[in-house]
């Protein structure tokens, strides 16, 4: 399948580029807890029933380096679940980007806008960093103009270096240990970020009069996986640092698969639990990433998605992965 890719940065790393300005500041408020509410808002348009989706979706992806690895993994997952017809319509990739940067790409080069104007996009993925990000509303308004039944996913981010800091601070190559954080530390540090995304998405859905935007709680899934590692209940994963390829927090293959499972669960409203090993893990040929680890990744993703009130997904006995 041909994948249209628009790369507007010399590197896909989560680094500061000429197009990465201005940057949003981290949320200033402080929260000590993240509520895990199991009530679910009903999806909109042709997906209003909330039932599992069996038809492959036409998806356009936009995001930074904590997101852009998803398309081939998601295609592999969908195929293994017996879902046919999924199409990756394109990918807008900008390192360290806010959503507004993808919107601001000149129209002549803006493949995301071009795709949306065809009315043939079922799902648009967005990956903000900090709120506010006016690009979310702009993309949603344009998408709805051409397809009133479109669904737009909004990916939570996990904090680089476990710190709520401006992206410009990554210029400081300070030493950092991902194994030093506890689950409580992680939840406290991420809570303002998660709440700001929740509030912004809820406000926009209210403005549009229906649920158009769906949160993919990848940040909360990452924390839950790290808590399992700390508890010694993560299969072959034994340390938190195994999830990150560098000090910035780019994901290794197991974490990439976890993120892709979260998107699969939100986009198709189906549990990934019990699906075969994704190719990206199978080809790595690492025994520690075997069946036990795979089961943990699947369970953590499904739990995070079904526990988030704005994912549009409910747990119907985890039967949605049946072919």
Foldseek 3Di string as FASTA:
>chain_A
DDAAEAEDAPDLAQADDPLAPPFDAFDDDFDQADDQAQAAAAADDPRRVLDFAQEAFEEEEEDGLLGQVQPVLLVLLSVLLVHPDHHHHYYYYYHNHALVSLVPDPPVRNVLLVVLQVLRGQEYEGEGAADDGCNVLVSLVSNCVSHVNHAYEYEYDQAQLLARGISNCVVDVDDGDPQPDALSSSRRRCVSRVVRVVVVQVVSCVVVVHRRYFYLHLNQLLSVLQNCLVVVQQQLRNGSCQQAPDRRRRGDPLSSSLSNQSVSCLVRLAQSAPGDDGPVLVVVPDPSCDDSNVNSSRVSSNSSLSSDHRSNHHCPPRPRSHD
